Amino acid sequence: MARTATIVRETSESKVELSLNLDGTGKTDIETTVPFYNHMMTALGKHSLIDLKIRASGDTDIDVHHTVEDTAIVFGEALKQALGDKRGIRRFADATVPLDEALARAVVDISGRPYAVCTGEPEGFEYAMIGGHFTGSLVRHVMESIAFHADLCLHMTVLAGRDPHHIAEAEFKALARALRFAVEPDPRIAGIIPSTKGAL
């Protein structure tokens, strides 16, 4: 069965159309109207090998927050939908990714229990303006929104970093690599749900 999903979500604040394929090659086509977020979601698709198409727009004349948040919500929902009952996946994975002076580690459990722990971002990172529109605080908010709406447990830790762009990109790439392996079919447990409870 194809592990794909397409979701359209429209509110008074934004409209998001998103399609993904978990068994892709990392092909991306991203337009969120927030340039730095385009860059981050492109990296997420590329390094997770998840084919990802996004068209998002919203009230960016007020702030980019709603568009960024709602795109993350829809990505999480699509990830959950595409995973189905999670039979045969590896479930657990971690990745540590550098970007020059920055270093980030993501640990994921496709658990069915949403949880997010994000630590290590340097003091003041949340106030950094990246690319003219994207504040550092949005990185954690994206990670939490994905985790809560995909029903996965995510621990994201920034181990080192000085440049806000590098820190954010290392976090997105670490998540991408962890997702790549967590959602991957494990040939040793083909058809089996990887849980002692028999459900995820």
Protein backbone atom coordinates (compact mmCIF):
# COMPACT_ATOMS: atom_id res chain seq x y z
CA MET A 1 0.00 0.00 0.00
CA ALA A 2 1.16 3.51 -0.79
CA ARG A 3 2.12 5.45 2.32
CA THR A 4 0.87 8.80 1.11
CA ALA A 5 -1.41 11.56 2.34
CA THR A 6 -2.95 14.77 1.03
CA ILE A 7 -4.53 17.28 3.38
CA VAL A 8 -6.12 20.67 2.84
CA ARG A 9 -6.69 22.86 5.89
CA GLU A 10 -8.27 26.29 5.64
CA THR A 11 -9.02 28.73 8.47
CA SER A 12 -9.55 32.46 8.71
CA GLU A 13 -5.78 32.76 9.28
CA SER A 14 -4.26 30.47 6.64
CA LYS A 15 -4.75 27.94 3.90
CA VAL A 16 -2.45 24.94 3.65
CA GLU A 17 -2.42 22.25 0.94
CA LEU A 18 0.10 19.49 1.60
CA SER A 19 0.92 16.14 0.00
CA LEU A 20 3.59 13.70 1.09
CA ASN A 21 4.94 10.27 0.24
CA LEU A 22 6.91 8.48 2.97
CA ASP A 23 8.55 6.19 0.42
CA GLY A 24 9.86 8.93 -1.82
CA THR A 25 13.30 10.22 -2.72
CA GLY A 26 13.16 13.59 -0.99
CA LYS A 27 11.64 15.47 -3.92
CA THR A 28 10.20 18.76 -2.69
CA ASP A 29 8.05 21.56 -4.05
CA ILE A 30 7.57 24.09 -1.25
CA GLU A 31 5.92 27.51 -1.20
CA THR A 32 4.76 28.82 2.17
CA THR A 33 5.24 32.55 1.41
CA VAL A 34 7.84 32.55 4.23
CA PRO A 35 11.25 32.23 2.51
CA PHE A 36 13.26 30.85 5.44
CA TYR A 37 10.51 28.34 6.23
CA ASN A 38 10.56 27.22 2.59
CA HIS A 39 14.27 26.55 3.11
CA MET A 40 13.66 24.58 6.32
CA MET A 41 10.78 22.46 4.96
CA THR A 42 12.78 21.77 1.81
CA ALA A 43 15.61 20.48 4.01
CA LEU A 44 13.12 18.40 6.01
CA GLY A 45 11.81 16.70 2.88
CA LYS A 46 15.22 16.30 1.25
CA HIS A 47 16.96 14.67 4.20
CA SER A 48 14.02 12.52 5.34
CA LEU A 49 13.53 11.20 1.78
CA ILE A 50 9.86 12.17 2.16
CA ASP A 51 8.46 13.60 -1.05
CA LEU A 52 6.76 16.80 0.02
CA LYS A 53 4.60 19.37 -1.76
CA ILE A 54 3.30 22.37 0.16
CA ARG A 55 1.28 25.38 -0.84
CA ALA A 56 0.58 27.65 2.11
CA SER A 57 -0.54 31.23 2.50
CA GLY A 58 -1.98 33.28 5.30
CA ASP A 59 -2.12 36.54 7.18
CA THR A 60 1.60 37.21 6.94
CA ASP A 61 0.81 40.93 6.87
CA ILE A 62 0.16 40.46 10.60
CA ASP A 63 2.85 37.88 11.37
CA VAL A 64 4.19 34.67 9.82
CA HIS A 65 3.29 32.72 12.97
CA HIS A 66 -0.09 31.39 11.80
CA THR A 67 1.17 30.20 8.42
CA VAL A 68 4.21 28.52 9.94
CA GLU A 69 2.23 26.87 12.74
CA ASP A 70 -0.59 25.67 10.50
CA THR A 71 1.84 24.19 7.97
CA ALA A 72 3.51 22.24 10.79
CA ILE A 73 0.12 21.04 12.02
CA VAL A 74 -0.82 19.78 8.56
CA PHE A 75 2.57 18.12 8.09
CA GLY A 76 2.07 16.26 11.38
CA GLU A 77 -1.46 15.20 10.43
CA ALA A 78 -0.30 13.99 7.01
CA LEU A 79 2.58 12.06 8.54
CA LYS A 80 0.19 10.32 10.93
CA GLN A 81 -2.26 9.52 8.13
CA ALA A 82 0.43 8.15 5.80
CA LEU A 83 1.82 5.88 8.55
CA GLY A 84 -1.53 4.09 8.94
CA ASP A 85 -1.38 1.44 11.65
CA LYS A 86 2.45 1.61 11.58
CA ARG A 87 2.96 -2.04 10.78
CA GLY A 88 6.55 -2.95 10.00
CA ILE A 89 8.18 0.41 10.74
CA ARG A 90 11.41 0.78 12.70
CA ARG A 91 9.57 3.16 15.11
CA PHE A 92 12.60 4.47 17.05
CA ALA A 93 15.42 6.51 15.55
CA ASP A 94 17.89 9.23 16.36
CA ALA A 95 20.17 11.50 14.39
CA THR A 96 22.87 14.00 15.27
CA VAL A 97 23.53 16.58 12.57
CA PRO A 98 26.16 19.33 12.38
CA LEU A 99 26.05 22.55 10.42
CA ASP A 100 29.37 24.30 10.82
CA GLU A 101 29.52 25.35 14.50
CA ALA A 102 25.97 24.14 15.25
CA LEU A 103 25.09 20.61 16.32
CA ALA A 104 21.59 19.22 16.95
CA ARG A 105 20.28 15.81 17.99
CA ALA A 106 16.76 14.51 17.36
CA VAL A 107 15.38 11.33 18.92
CA VAL A 108 11.96 10.13 17.79
CA ASP A 109 9.52 7.41 18.76
CA ILE A 110 6.53 6.88 16.48
CA SER A 111 4.65 5.98 19.62
CA GLY A 112 1.08 7.14 19.21
CA ARG A 113 1.72 9.30 22.28
CA PRO A 114 2.51 12.92 21.45
CA TYR A 115 5.31 14.50 23.43
CA ALA A 116 8.00 17.07 22.69
CA VAL A 117 11.06 18.11 24.67
CA CYS A 118 13.22 20.82 23.13
CA THR A 119 16.34 21.94 24.98
CA GLY A 120 19.71 23.55 24.47
CA GLU A 121 18.89 26.53 22.28
CA PRO A 122 21.18 29.36 23.40
CA GLU A 123 19.83 32.28 25.40
CA GLY A 124 18.24 34.85 23.12
CA PHE A 125 17.78 32.44 20.21
CA GLU A 126 14.01 32.76 20.50
CA TYR A 127 14.30 36.47 19.67
CA ALA A 128 16.60 36.08 16.66
CA MET A 129 15.07 37.22 13.38
CA ILE A 130 16.17 34.79 10.66
CA GLY A 131 15.68 35.77 7.05
CA GLY A 132 13.82 38.90 8.03
CA HIS A 133 10.57 37.17 9.07
CA PHE A 134 11.19 33.94 10.96
CA THR A 135 11.89 34.20 14.70
CA GLY A 136 13.96 31.58 16.49
CA SER A 137 11.02 30.83 18.78
CA LEU A 138 9.17 29.34 15.82
CA VAL A 139 11.61 26.42 15.55
CA ARG A 140 10.46 24.92 18.85
CA HIS A 141 6.85 25.68 17.98
CA VAL A 142 7.19 23.81 14.68
CA MET A 143 8.77 20.81 16.40
CA GLU A 144 6.01 20.71 19.03
CA SER A 145 3.24 21.11 16.44
CA ILE A 146 4.61 18.26 14.31
CA ALA A 147 5.03 15.97 17.32
CA PHE A 148 1.56 16.65 18.74
CA HIS A 149 -0.26 16.22 15.43
CA ALA A 150 1.74 13.21 14.23
CA ASP A 151 1.34 11.49 17.62
CA LEU A 152 5.07 11.00 18.02
CA CYS A 153 7.52 11.56 20.83
CA LEU A 154 10.35 13.95 19.93
CA HIS A 155 13.37 14.96 21.94
CA MET A 156 15.31 17.75 20.22
CA THR A 157 18.57 18.93 21.76
CA VAL A 158 20.84 21.69 20.52
CA LEU A 159 24.33 20.61 21.55
CA ALA A 160 26.25 23.58 20.13
CA GLY A 161 25.70 26.64 18.02
CA ARG A 162 26.13 30.37 17.63
CA ASP A 163 24.55 31.40 14.33
CA PRO A 164 20.71 31.30 14.50
CA HIS A 165 20.37 30.15 10.88
CA HIS A 166 22.78 27.27 11.48
CA ILE A 167 21.07 26.24 14.72
CA ALA A 168 17.61 26.17 13.15
CA GLU A 169 18.79 24.30 10.07
CA ALA A 170 20.65 21.71 12.14
CA GLU A 171 17.45 21.09 14.11
CA PHE A 172 15.32 20.61 11.00
CA LYS A 173 17.91 18.33 9.40
CA ALA A 174 18.26 16.27 12.58
CA LEU A 175 14.50 15.79 12.66
CA ALA A 176 14.55 14.84 8.99
CA ARG A 177 17.21 12.17 9.42
CA ALA A 178 15.53 10.72 12.51
CA LEU A 179 12.19 10.55 10.70
CA ARG A 180 13.83 8.92 7.70
CA PHE A 181 14.85 5.92 9.78
CA ALA A 182 11.88 5.84 12.18
CA VAL A 183 9.27 5.56 9.41
CA GLU A 184 11.37 3.17 7.33
CA PRO A 185 10.07 -0.40 6.90
CA ASP A 186 12.09 -2.93 8.91
CA PRO A 187 12.34 -6.18 6.91
CA ARG A 188 12.83 -8.19 10.10
CA ILE A 189 9.33 -7.30 11.36
CA ALA A 190 7.39 -7.06 8.11
CA GLY A 191 3.68 -6.77 8.84
CA ILE A 192 4.14 -6.58 12.60
CA ILE A 193 3.28 -3.56 14.76
CA PRO A 194 6.45 -2.81 16.77
CA SER A 195 4.83 -2.60 20.19
CA THR A 196 4.31 -5.03 23.07
CA LYS A 197 0.74 -3.67 23.23
CA GLY A 198 0.08 -4.63 19.62
CA ALA A 199 -0.91 -1.08 18.70
CA LEU A 200 0.74 2.30 18.25
